[in-house]
Amino acid sequence: MLKYFITFVVGFICASVLFVFAVLPGENRAGFQYGYGNGITAGRLQAVDAIQKEFGLYDGHGPYKVLLEVHTSDVISIETNGVKTVRVIP
């Protein structure tokens, strides 16, 4: 009986060590990347909102160059009367 108990304990310890060193690092990395990606998107959306409040929306006149795309909003560069400015296309 003692032989089976020792075998069980050793197997449990080996499985626990394998789980801690082989499975958990991959899960932690995936969770970190998910949070990192959400943080980048949230930061970009805050930047788009701040640019929109400061410079306004695109009025639809003239060619533009897209500087940043976030979901459905675009930050663009537009030249009006020789002056370059940024605007937001929601």
PDB file of N, CA and C in Angstrom:
ATOM      1  N   MET A   1       0.810  -1.190   0.000  1.00  0.00           N
ATOM      2  CA  MET A   1       0.000   0.000   0.000  1.00  0.00           C
ATOM      3  C   MET A   1       0.860   1.264   0.000  1.00  0.00           C
ATOM      4  N   LEU A   2       1.931   1.231   0.760  1.00  0.00           N
ATOM      5  CA  LEU A   2       2.826   2.380   0.838  1.00  0.00           C
ATOM      6  C   LEU A   2       3.472   2.634  -0.516  1.00  0.00           C
ATOM      7  N   LYS A   3       3.758   1.567  -1.256  1.00  0.00           N
ATOM      8  CA  LYS A   3       4.369   1.707  -2.566  1.00  0.00           C
ATOM      9  C   LYS A   3       3.431   2.459  -3.519  1.00  0.00           C
ATOM     10  N   TYR A   4       2.149   2.174  -3.498  1.00  0.00           N
ATOM     11  CA  TYR A   4       1.175   2.850  -4.347  1.00  0.00           C
ATOM     12  C   TYR A   4       1.004   4.318  -3.949  1.00  0.00           C
ATOM     13  N   PHE A   5       1.010   4.575  -2.656  1.00  0.00           N
ATOM     14  CA  PHE A   5       0.872   5.941  -2.167  1.00  0.00           C
ATOM     15  C   PHE A   5       2.069   6.796  -2.593  1.00  0.00           C
ATOM     16  N   ILE A   6       3.269   6.264  -2.465  1.00  0.00           N
ATOM     17  CA  ILE A   6       4.474   6.998  -2.870  1.00  0.00           C
ATOM     18  C   ILE A   6       4.466   7.229  -4.378  1.00  0.00           C
ATOM     19  N   THR A   7       4.044   6.224  -5.142  1.00  0.00           N
ATOM     20  CA  THR A   7       3.959   6.373  -6.588  1.00  0.00           C
ATOM     21  C   THR A   7       2.947   7.459  -6.960  1.00  0.00           C
ATOM     22  N   PHE A   8       1.824   7.476  -6.271  1.00  0.00           N
ATOM     23  CA  PHE A   8       0.805   8.496  -6.518  1.00  0.00           C
ATOM     24  C   PHE A   8       1.347   9.887  -6.204  1.00  0.00           C
ATOM     25  N   VAL A   9       2.010  10.064  -5.082  1.00  0.00           N
ATOM     26  CA  VAL A   9       2.547  11.361  -4.679  1.00  0.00           C
ATOM     27  C   VAL A   9       3.609  11.834  -5.669  1.00  0.00           C
ATOM     28  N   VAL A  10       4.500  10.956  -6.072  1.00  0.00           N
ATOM     29  CA  VAL A  10       5.543  11.324  -7.034  1.00  0.00           C
ATOM     30  C   VAL A  10       4.911  11.698  -8.377  1.00  0.00           C
ATOM     31  N   GLY A  11       3.926  10.965  -8.820  1.00  0.00           N
ATOM     32  CA  GLY A  11       3.232  11.285 -10.069  1.00  0.00           C
ATOM     33  C   GLY A  11       2.509  12.622  -9.990  1.00  0.00           C
ATOM     34  N   PHE A  12       1.885  12.883  -8.850  1.00  0.00           N
ATOM     35  CA  PHE A  12       1.182  14.149  -8.653  1.00  0.00           C
ATOM     36  C   PHE A  12       2.163  15.323  -8.681  1.00  0.00           C
ATOM     37  N   ILE A  13       3.294  15.162  -8.042  1.00  0.00           N
ATOM     38  CA  ILE A  13       4.315  16.220  -8.032  1.00  0.00           C
ATOM     39  C   ILE A  13       4.854  16.453  -9.438  1.00  0.00           C
ATOM     40  N   CYS A  14       5.126  15.386 -10.169  1.00  0.00           N
ATOM     41  CA  CYS A  14       5.631  15.533 -11.551  1.00  0.00           C
ATOM     42  C   CYS A  14       4.604  16.219 -12.447  1.00  0.00           C
ATOM     43  N   ALA A  15       3.332  15.845 -12.310  1.00  0.00           N
ATOM     44  CA  ALA A  15       2.290  16.472 -13.116  1.00  0.00           C
ATOM     45  C   ALA A  15       2.136  17.951 -12.745  1.00  0.00           C
ATOM     46  N   SER A  16       2.244  18.274 -11.478  1.00  0.00           N
ATOM     47  CA  SER A  16       2.134  19.669 -11.039  1.00  0.00           C
ATOM     48  C   SER A  16       3.284  20.506 -11.586  1.00  0.00           C
ATOM     49  N   VAL A  17       4.490  19.972 -11.535  1.00  0.00           N
ATOM     50  CA  VAL A  17       5.656  20.690 -12.058  1.00  0.00           C
ATOM     51  C   VAL A  17       5.510  20.888 -13.564  1.00  0.00           C
ATOM     52  N   LEU A  18       5.073  19.867 -14.267  1.00  0.00           N
ATOM     53  CA  LEU A  18       4.866  19.975 -15.707  1.00  0.00           C
ATOM     54  C   LEU A  18       3.813  21.033 -16.021  1.00  0.00           C
ATOM     55  N   PHE A  19       2.740  21.063 -15.248  1.00  0.00           N
ATOM     56  CA  PHE A  19       1.682  22.054 -15.455  1.00  0.00           C
ATOM     57  C   PHE A  19       2.214  23.460 -15.227  1.00  0.00           C
ATOM     58  N   VAL A  20       2.962  23.670 -14.159  1.00  0.00           N
ATOM     59  CA  VAL A  20       3.459  25.000 -13.812  1.00  0.00           C
ATOM     60  C   VAL A  20       4.458  25.505 -14.842  1.00  0.00           C
ATOM     61  N   PHE A  21       5.326  24.649 -15.332  1.00  0.00           N
ATOM     62  CA  PHE A  21       6.385  25.100 -16.241  1.00  0.00           C
ATOM     63  C   PHE A  21       6.041  24.978 -17.723  1.00  0.00           C
ATOM     64  N   ALA A  22       5.050  24.174 -18.089  1.00  0.00           N
ATOM     65  CA  ALA A  22       4.740  23.979 -19.502  1.00  0.00           C
ATOM     66  C   ALA A  22       3.422  24.639 -19.917  1.00  0.00           C
ATOM     67  N   VAL A  23       2.401  24.567 -19.099  1.00  0.00           N
ATOM     68  CA  VAL A  23       1.078  25.048 -19.494  1.00  0.00           C
ATOM     69  C   VAL A  23       0.860  26.501 -19.093  1.00  0.00           C
ATOM     70  N   LEU A  24       1.153  26.863 -17.870  1.00  0.00           N
ATOM     71  CA  LEU A  24       0.869  28.208 -17.375  1.00  0.00           C
ATOM     72  C   LEU A  24       1.594  29.326 -18.109  1.00  0.00           C
ATOM     73  N   PRO A  25       2.861  29.202 -18.487  1.00  0.00           N
ATOM     74  CA  PRO A  25       3.502  30.311 -19.201  1.00  0.00           C
ATOM     75  C   PRO A  25       2.807  30.656 -20.521  1.00  0.00           C
ATOM     76  N   GLY A  26       2.326  29.671 -21.245  1.00  0.00           N
ATOM     77  CA  GLY A  26       1.599  29.940 -22.489  1.00  0.00           C
ATOM     78  C   GLY A  26       0.295  30.666 -22.236  1.00  0.00           C
ATOM     79  N   GLU A  27      -0.421  30.273 -21.183  1.00  0.00           N
ATOM     80  CA  GLU A  27      -1.674  30.942 -20.835  1.00  0.00           C
ATOM     81  C   GLU A  27      -1.408  32.370 -20.375  1.00  0.00           C
ATOM     82  N   ASN A  28      -0.368  32.574 -19.610  1.00  0.00           N
ATOM     83  CA  ASN A  28      -0.040  33.921 -19.147  1.00  0.00           C
ATOM     84  C   ASN A  28       0.341  34.820 -20.316  1.00  0.00           C
ATOM     85  N   ARG A  29       1.086  34.299 -21.253  1.00  0.00           N
ATOM     86  CA  ARG A  29       1.488  35.070 -22.426  1.00  0.00           C
ATOM     87  C   ARG A  29       0.272  35.450 -23.264  1.00  0.00           C
ATOM     88  N   ALA A  30      -0.661  34.516 -23.456  1.00  0.00           N
ATOM     89  CA  ALA A  30      -1.873  34.801 -24.231  1.00  0.00           C
ATOM     90  C   ALA A  30      -2.718  35.860 -23.529  1.00  0.00           C
ATOM     91  N   GLY A  31      -2.850  35.769 -22.226  1.00  0.00           N
ATOM     92  CA  GLY A  31      -3.604  36.764 -21.478  1.00  0.00           C
ATOM     93  C   GLY A  31      -2.951  38.133 -21.534  1.00  0.00           C
ATOM     94  N   PHE A  32      -1.631  38.169 -21.464  1.00  0.00           N
ATOM     95  CA  PHE A  32      -0.907  39.438 -21.543  1.00  0.00           C
ATOM     96  C   PHE A  32      -1.114  40.082 -22.909  1.00  0.00           C
ATOM     97  N   GLN A  33      -1.003  39.298 -23.975  1.00  0.00           N
ATOM     98  CA  GLN A  33      -1.175  39.842 -25.323  1.00  0.00           C
ATOM     99  C   GLN A  33      -2.596  40.361 -25.536  1.00  0.00           C
ATOM    100  N   TYR A  34      -3.593  39.664 -24.979  1.00  0.00           N
ATOM    101  CA  TYR A  34      -4.981  40.115 -25.093  1.00  0.00           C
ATOM    102  C   TYR A  34      -5.160  41.461 -24.393  1.00  0.00           C
ATOM    103  N   GLY A  35      -4.659  41.593 -23.193  1.00  0.00           N
ATOM    104  CA  GLY A  35      -4.755  42.853 -22.462  1.00  0.00           C
ATOM    105  C   GLY A  35      -3.954  43.959 -23.114  1.00  0.00           C
ATOM    106  N   TYR A  36      -2.787  43.629 -23.624  1.00  0.00           N
ATOM    107  CA  TYR A  36      -1.938  44.606 -24.300  1.00  0.00           C
ATOM    108  C   TYR A  36      -2.634  45.153 -25.536  1.00  0.00           C
ATOM    109  N   GLY A  37      -3.232  44.261 -26.310  1.00  0.00           N
ATOM    110  CA  GLY A  37      -3.956  44.689 -27.509  1.00  0.00           C
ATOM    111  C   GLY A  37      -5.150  45.565 -27.175  1.00  0.00           C
ATOM    112  N   ASN A  38      -5.887  45.219 -26.124  1.00  0.00           N
ATOM    113  CA  ASN A  38      -7.021  46.044 -25.715  1.00  0.00           C
ATOM    114  C   ASN A  38      -6.559  47.403 -25.224  1.00  0.00           C
ATOM    115  N   GLY A  39      -5.432  47.456 -24.547  1.00  0.00           N
ATOM    116  CA  GLY A  39      -4.909  48.729 -24.066  1.00  0.00           C
ATOM    117  C   GLY A  39      -4.484  49.640 -25.203  1.00  0.00           C
ATOM    118  N   ILE A  40      -3.863  49.074 -26.221  1.00  0.00           N
ATOM    119  CA  ILE A  40      -3.462  49.860 -27.390  1.00  0.00           C
ATOM    120  C   ILE A  40      -4.695  50.423 -28.082  1.00  0.00           C
ATOM    121  N   THR A  41      -5.707  49.604 -28.273  1.00  0.00           N
ATOM    122  CA  THR A  41      -6.926  50.067 -28.934  1.00  0.00           C
ATOM    123  C   THR A  41      -7.619  51.147 -28.108  1.00  0.00           C
ATOM    124  N   ALA A  42      -7.699  50.953 -26.806  1.00  0.00           N
ATOM    125  CA  ALA A  42      -8.334  51.955 -25.948  1.00  0.00           C
ATOM    126  C   ALA A  42      -7.562  53.271 -25.984  1.00  0.00           C
ATOM    127  N   GLY A  43      -6.256  53.212 -25.979  1.00  0.00           N
ATOM    128  CA  GLY A  43      -5.441  54.418 -26.058  1.00  0.00           C
ATOM    129  C   GLY A  43      -5.611  55.149 -27.377  1.00  0.00           C
ATOM    130  N   ARG A  44      -5.683  54.401 -28.450  1.00  0.00           N
ATOM    131  CA  ARG A  44      -5.887  55.018 -29.763  1.00  0.00           C
ATOM    132  C   ARG A  44      -7.267  55.664 -29.858  1.00  0.00           C
ATOM    133  N   LEU A  45      -8.278  55.013 -29.287  1.00  0.00           N
ATOM    134  CA  LEU A  45      -9.617  55.609 -29.301  1.00  0.00           C
ATOM    135  C   LEU A  45      -9.653  56.902 -28.482  1.00  0.00           C
ATOM    136  N   GLN A  46      -8.936  56.935 -27.367  1.00  0.00           N
ATOM    137  CA  GLN A  46      -8.858  58.165 -26.580  1.00  0.00           C
ATOM    138  C   GLN A  46      -8.155  59.261 -27.373  1.00  0.00           C
ATOM    139  N   ALA A  47      -7.108  58.911 -28.096  1.00  0.00           N
ATOM    140  CA  ALA A  47      -6.403  59.895 -28.923  1.00  0.00           C
ATOM    141  C   ALA A  47      -7.319  60.422 -30.018  1.00  0.00           C
ATOM    142  N   VAL A  48      -8.099  59.555 -30.657  1.00  0.00           N
ATOM    143  CA  VAL A  48      -9.030  59.985 -31.701  1.00  0.00           C
ATOM    144  C   VAL A  48     -10.072  60.941 -31.117  1.00  0.00           C
ATOM    145  N   ASP A  49     -10.594  60.628 -29.940  1.00  0.00           N
ATOM    146  CA  ASP A  49     -11.570  61.515 -29.296  1.00  0.00           C
ATOM    147  C   ASP A  49     -10.965  62.873 -28.981  1.00  0.00           C
ATOM    148  N   ALA A  50      -9.733  62.892 -28.485  1.00  0.00           N
ATOM    149  CA  ALA A  50      -9.076  64.161 -28.161  1.00  0.00           C
ATOM    150  C   ALA A  50      -8.824  64.984 -29.423  1.00  0.00           C
ATOM    151  N   ILE A  51      -8.399  64.341 -30.502  1.00  0.00           N
ATOM    152  CA  ILE A  51      -8.165  65.049 -31.765  1.00  0.00           C
ATOM    153  C   ILE A  51      -9.484  65.591 -32.313  1.00  0.00           C
ATOM    154  N   GLN A  52     -10.537  64.809 -32.203  1.00  0.00           N
ATOM    155  CA  GLN A  52     -11.848  65.254 -32.679  1.00  0.00           C
ATOM    156  C   GLN A  52     -12.329  66.477 -31.905  1.00  0.00           C
ATOM    157  N   LYS A  53     -12.140  66.489 -30.587  1.00  0.00           N
ATOM    158  CA  LYS A  53     -12.555  67.642 -29.778  1.00  0.00           C
ATOM    159  C   LYS A  53     -11.727  68.878 -30.108  1.00  0.00           C
ATOM    160  N   GLU A  54     -10.449  68.687 -30.386  1.00  0.00           N
ATOM    161  CA  GLU A  54      -9.554  69.822 -30.631  1.00  0.00           C
ATOM    162  C   GLU A  54      -9.664  70.370 -32.056  1.00  0.00           C
ATOM    163  N   PHE A  55      -9.729  69.482 -33.056  1.00  0.00           N
ATOM    164  CA  PHE A  55      -9.668  69.916 -34.448  1.00  0.00           C
ATOM    165  C   PHE A  55     -10.976  69.739 -35.216  1.00  0.00           C
ATOM    166  N   GLY A  56     -11.888  68.952 -34.724  1.00  0.00           N
ATOM    167  CA  GLY A  56     -13.179  68.774 -35.381  1.00  0.00           C
ATOM    168  C   GLY A  56     -13.217  67.623 -36.363  1.00  0.00           C
ATOM    169  N   LEU A  57     -14.358  67.539 -37.052  1.00  0.00           N
ATOM    170  CA  LEU A  57     -14.611  66.470 -38.009  1.00  0.00           C
ATOM    171  C   LEU A  57     -14.260  66.906 -39.426  1.00  0.00           C
ATOM    172  N   TYR A  58     -14.036  65.935 -40.269  1.00  0.00           N
ATOM    173  CA  TYR A  58     -13.756  66.178 -41.690  1.00  0.00           C
ATOM    174  C   TYR A  58     -15.042  66.621 -42.366  1.00  0.00           C
ATOM    175  N   ASP A  59     -14.984  67.711 -43.143  1.00  0.00           N
ATOM    176  CA  ASP A  59     -16.180  68.261 -43.791  1.00  0.00           C
ATOM    177  C   ASP A  59     -16.458  67.670 -45.163  1.00  0.00           C
ATOM    178  N   GLY A  60     -15.599  66.823 -45.650  1.00  0.00           N
ATOM    179  CA  GLY A  60     -15.845  66.142 -46.917  1.00  0.00           C
ATOM    180  C   GLY A  60     -15.269  66.834 -48.134  1.00  0.00           C
ATOM    181  N   HIS A  61     -14.538  67.923 -47.954  1.00  0.00           N
ATOM    182  CA  HIS A  61     -13.978  68.660 -49.088  1.00  0.00           C
ATOM    183  C   HIS A  61     -12.479  68.431 -49.172  1.00  0.00           C
ATOM    184  N   GLY A  62     -12.019  68.068 -50.344  1.00  0.00           N
ATOM    185  CA  GLY A  62     -10.593  67.952 -50.593  1.00  0.00           C
ATOM    186  C   GLY A  62     -10.021  66.585 -50.302  1.00  0.00           C
ATOM    187  N   PRO A  63      -8.858  66.323 -50.919  1.00  0.00           N
ATOM    188  CA  PRO A  63      -8.185  65.039 -50.685  1.00  0.00           C
ATOM    189  C   PRO A  63      -7.547  65.005 -49.297  1.00  0.00           C
ATOM    190  N   TYR A  64      -7.345  63.811 -48.794  1.00  0.00           N
ATOM    191  CA  TYR A  64      -6.757  63.654 -47.468  1.00  0.00           C
ATOM    192  C   TYR A  64      -5.855  62.434 -47.447  1.00  0.00           C
ATOM    193  N   LYS A  65      -5.041  62.361 -46.393  1.00  0.00           N
ATOM    194  CA  LYS A  65      -4.139  61.227 -46.169  1.00  0.00           C
ATOM    195  C   LYS A  65      -4.468  60.640 -44.805  1.00  0.00           C
ATOM    196  N   VAL A  66      -4.700  59.338 -44.747  1.00  0.00           N
ATOM    197  CA  VAL A  66      -5.044  58.670 -43.490  1.00  0.00           C
ATOM    198  C   VAL A  66      -3.781  58.488 -42.663  1.00  0.00           C
ATOM    199  N   LEU A  67      -3.824  58.975 -41.424  1.00  0.00           N
ATOM    200  CA  LEU A  67      -2.693  58.838 -40.509  1.00  0.00           C
ATOM    201  C   LEU A  67      -2.864  57.680 -39.538  1.00  0.00           C
ATOM    202  N   LEU A  68      -4.106  57.467 -39.086  1.00  0.00           N
ATOM    203  CA  LEU A  68      -4.368  56.449 -38.070  1.00  0.00           C
ATOM    204  C   LEU A  68      -5.770  55.905 -38.261  1.00  0.00           C
ATOM    205  N   GLU A  69      -5.903  54.588 -38.214  1.00  0.00           N
ATOM    206  CA  GLU A  69      -7.212  53.945 -38.300  1.00  0.00           C
ATOM    207  C   GLU A  69      -7.464  53.178 -37.020  1.00  0.00           C
ATOM    208  N   VAL A  70      -8.617  53.428 -36.413  1.00  0.00           N
ATOM    209  CA  VAL A  70      -9.022  52.701 -35.213  1.00  0.00           C
ATOM    210  C   VAL A  70     -10.484  52.328 -35.379  1.00  0.00           C
ATOM    211  N   HIS A  71     -10.764  51.047 -35.469  1.00  0.00           N
ATOM    212  CA  HIS A  71     -12.117  50.528 -35.681  1.00  0.00           C
ATOM    213  C   HIS A  71     -12.798  51.273 -36.820  1.00  0.00           C
ATOM    214  N   THR A  72     -13.765  52.134 -36.528  1.00  0.00           N
ATOM    215  CA  THR A  72     -14.492  52.832 -37.584  1.00  0.00           C
ATOM    216  C   THR A  72     -14.092  54.300 -37.708  1.00  0.00           C
ATOM    217  N   SER A  73     -13.135  54.752 -36.941  1.00  0.00           N
ATOM    218  CA  SER A  73     -12.697  56.149 -36.990  1.00  0.00           C
ATOM    219  C   SER A  73     -11.337  56.246 -37.666  1.00  0.00           C
ATOM    220  N   ASP A  74     -11.140  57.332 -38.398  1.00  0.00           N
ATOM    221  CA  ASP A  74      -9.866  57.596 -39.062  1.00  0.00           C
ATOM    222  C   ASP A  74      -9.384  58.983 -38.673  1.00  0.00           C
ATOM    223  N   VAL A  75      -8.108  59.109 -38.401  1.00  0.00           N
ATOM    224  CA  VAL A  75      -7.479  60.408 -38.222  1.00  0.00           C
ATOM    225  C   VAL A  75      -6.781  60.716 -39.536  1.00  0.00           C
ATOM    226  N   ILE A  76      -7.086  61.868 -40.111  1.00  0.00           N
ATOM    227  CA  ILE A  76      -6.571  62.204 -41.431  1.00  0.00           C
ATOM    228  C   ILE A  76      -5.809  63.519 -41.398  1.00  0.00           C
ATOM    229  N   SER A  77      -4.956  63.702 -42.384  1.00  0.00           N
ATOM    230  CA  SER A  77      -4.252  64.954 -42.612  1.00  0.00           C
ATOM    231  C   SER A  77      -4.863  65.589 -43.861  1.00  0.00           C
ATOM    232  N   ILE A  78      -5.235  66.864 -43.746  1.00  0.00           N
ATOM    233  CA  ILE A  78      -5.856  67.554 -44.868  1.00  0.00           C
ATOM    234  C   ILE A  78      -5.219  68.930 -45.007  1.00  0.00           C
ATOM    235  N   GLU A  79      -5.055  69.361 -46.242  1.00  0.00           N
ATOM    236  CA  GLU A  79      -4.481  70.675 -46.510  1.00  0.00           C
ATOM    237  C   GLU A  79      -5.577  71.597 -47.034  1.00  0.00           C
ATOM    238  N   THR A  80      -5.800  72.704 -46.336  1.00  0.00           N
ATOM    239  CA  THR A  80      -6.801  73.688 -46.720  1.00  0.00           C
ATOM    240  C   THR A  80      -6.136  75.051 -46.819  1.00  0.00           C
ATOM    241  N   ASN A  81      -6.168  75.652 -47.991  1.00  0.00           N
ATOM    242  CA  ASN A  81      -5.559  76.970 -48.215  1.00  0.00           C
ATOM    243  C   ASN A  81      -4.085  76.992 -47.805  1.00  0.00           C
ATOM    244  N   GLY A  82      -3.371  75.910 -48.072  1.00  0.00           N
ATOM    245  CA  GLY A  82      -1.949  75.840 -47.767  1.00  0.00           C
ATOM    246  C   GLY A  82      -1.626  75.510 -46.324  1.00  0.00           C
ATOM    247  N   VAL A  83      -2.629  75.276 -45.494  1.00  0.00           N
ATOM    248  CA  VAL A  83      -2.419  74.962 -44.071  1.00  0.00           C
ATOM    249  C   VAL A  83      -2.801  73.504 -43.843  1.00  0.00           C
ATOM    250  N   LYS A  84      -1.846  72.742 -43.311  1.00  0.00           N
ATOM    251  CA  LYS A  84      -2.122  71.341 -43.014  1.00  0.00           C
ATOM    252  C   LYS A  84      -2.684  71.228 -41.599  1.00  0.00           C
ATOM    253  N   THR A  85      -3.698  70.399 -41.453  1.00  0.00           N
ATOM    254  CA  THR A  85      -4.293  70.143 -40.157  1.00  0.00           C
ATOM    255  C   THR A  85      -4.771  68.700 -40.110  1.00  0.00           C
ATOM    256  N   VAL A  86      -5.151  68.253 -38.941  1.00  0.00           N
ATOM    257  CA  VAL A  86      -5.680  66.905 -38.784  1.00  0.00           C
ATOM    258  C   VAL A  86      -7.157  67.013 -38.467  1.00  0.00           C
ATOM    259  N   ARG A  87      -7.888  66.027 -38.919  1.00  0.00           N
ATOM    260  CA  ARG A  87      -9.329  65.930 -38.682  1.00  0.00           C
ATOM    261  C   ARG A  87      -9.668  64.470 -38.440  1.00  0.00           C
ATOM    262  N   VAL A  88     -10.909  64.254 -38.053  1.00  0.00           N
ATOM    263  CA  VAL A  88     -11.373  62.897 -37.769  1.00  0.00           C
ATOM    264  C   VAL A  88     -12.550  62.578 -38.674  1.00  0.00           C
ATOM    265  N   ILE A  89     -12.505  61.379 -39.247  1.00  0.00           N
ATOM    266  CA  ILE A  89     -13.655  60.834 -39.971  1.00  0.00           C
ATOM    267  C   ILE A  89     -14.248  59.773 -39.056  1.00  0.00           C
ATOM    268  N   PRO A  90     -15.464  60.011 -38.535  1.00  0.00           N
ATOM    269  CA  PRO A  90     -16.048  59.020 -37.600  1.00  0.00           C
ATOM    270  C   PRO A  90     -16.553  57.783 -38.323  1.00  0.00           C
TER     271      PRO A  90
END
